Amino acid sequence: MVHTKVALRSSGSHPLVVPRTRTVVYGDKGFLSVAAGLWNKIPNDIKDCGNLNTFKTHLKTYLFTMAYDD
């Protein structure tokens, strides 16, 4: 198995721009708005791990922690 290093979008720690929407009801629920907002909420140490498999593992742990931590 060959492991390649994947440069993630957050390498420079620049947050994604959440696009402005015209309607509050449907526009703020669009994929581009929601995806950019969620990506920006992920801690930088997870986004900057540098390996796709490591990123997935840390992201899964983070999401479970967010869902089940009281």
Protein backbone atom coordinates (compact mmCIF):
# COMPACT_ATOMS: atom_id res chain seq x y z
CA MET A 1 0.00 0.00 0.00
CA VAL A 2 1.38 3.38 -1.00
CA HIS A 3 0.72 6.33 1.29
CA THR A 4 0.88 9.75 -0.28
CA LYS A 5 0.89 13.02 1.57
CA VAL A 6 -2.18 15.06 0.72
CA ALA A 7 -2.06 18.82 1.04
CA LEU A 8 -5.33 19.82 2.63
CA ARG A 9 -7.04 23.07 1.79
CA SER A 10 -6.28 24.47 5.24
CA SER A 11 -2.50 24.21 4.91
CA GLY A 12 -2.20 27.98 5.18
CA SER A 13 -4.90 28.09 7.88
CA HIS A 14 -7.09 30.32 5.70
CA PRO A 15 -10.77 29.83 6.51
CA LEU A 16 -13.22 29.25 3.68
CA VAL A 17 -15.44 32.16 2.75
CA VAL A 18 -19.07 31.50 3.56
CA PRO A 19 -21.01 32.84 0.58
CA ARG A 20 -23.64 35.47 1.16
CA THR A 21 -27.18 34.42 0.37
CA ARG A 22 -30.19 36.42 -0.67
CA THR A 23 -32.78 34.43 1.23
CA VAL A 24 -32.59 33.47 4.87
CA VAL A 25 -35.03 30.59 4.59
CA TYR A 26 -33.32 28.51 1.88
CA GLY A 27 -30.05 30.22 1.02
CA ASP A 28 -28.40 29.70 4.41
CA LYS A 29 -29.16 25.99 4.19
CA GLY A 30 -27.43 25.55 0.83
CA PHE A 31 -24.47 23.17 0.55
CA LEU A 32 -21.88 25.88 -0.08
CA SER A 33 -22.91 27.88 2.98
CA VAL A 34 -23.19 24.93 5.31
CA ALA A 35 -20.05 23.13 4.10
CA ALA A 36 -17.85 26.23 4.39
CA GLY A 37 -19.19 26.99 7.85
CA LEU A 38 -18.63 23.44 9.09
CA TRP A 39 -15.10 23.30 7.62
CA ASN A 40 -14.22 26.54 9.42
CA LYS A 41 -15.39 25.05 12.75
CA ILE A 42 -12.98 22.09 12.57
CA PRO A 43 -9.89 22.78 14.74
CA ASN A 44 -6.75 23.66 12.75
CA ASP A 45 -4.70 20.84 14.28
CA ILE A 46 -7.10 18.34 12.68
CA LYS A 47 -7.07 20.10 9.31
CA ASP A 48 -3.27 20.40 9.30
CA CYS A 49 -2.43 16.75 10.04
CA GLY A 50 -1.08 16.28 6.49
CA ASN A 51 -2.20 12.69 5.84
CA LEU A 52 -5.67 11.84 4.57
CA ASN A 53 -6.08 8.72 6.71
CA THR A 54 -4.91 10.56 9.82
CA PHE A 55 -7.26 13.43 8.98
CA LYS A 56 -10.21 11.06 8.72
CA THR A 57 -9.35 9.35 12.01
CA HIS A 58 -8.99 12.64 13.91
CA LEU A 59 -12.12 14.08 12.30
CA LYS A 60 -14.18 11.03 13.26
CA THR A 61 -12.93 11.23 16.85
CA TYR A 62 -13.69 14.98 16.97
CA LEU A 63 -17.21 14.50 15.59
CA PHE A 64 -18.01 11.68 18.04
CA THR A 65 -16.70 13.83 20.88
CA MET A 66 -18.89 16.74 19.77
CA ALA A 67 -21.96 14.49 19.46
CA TYR A 68 -21.65 12.54 22.71
CA ASP A 69 -19.80 14.85 25.09
CA ASP A 70 -22.00 16.47 27.72
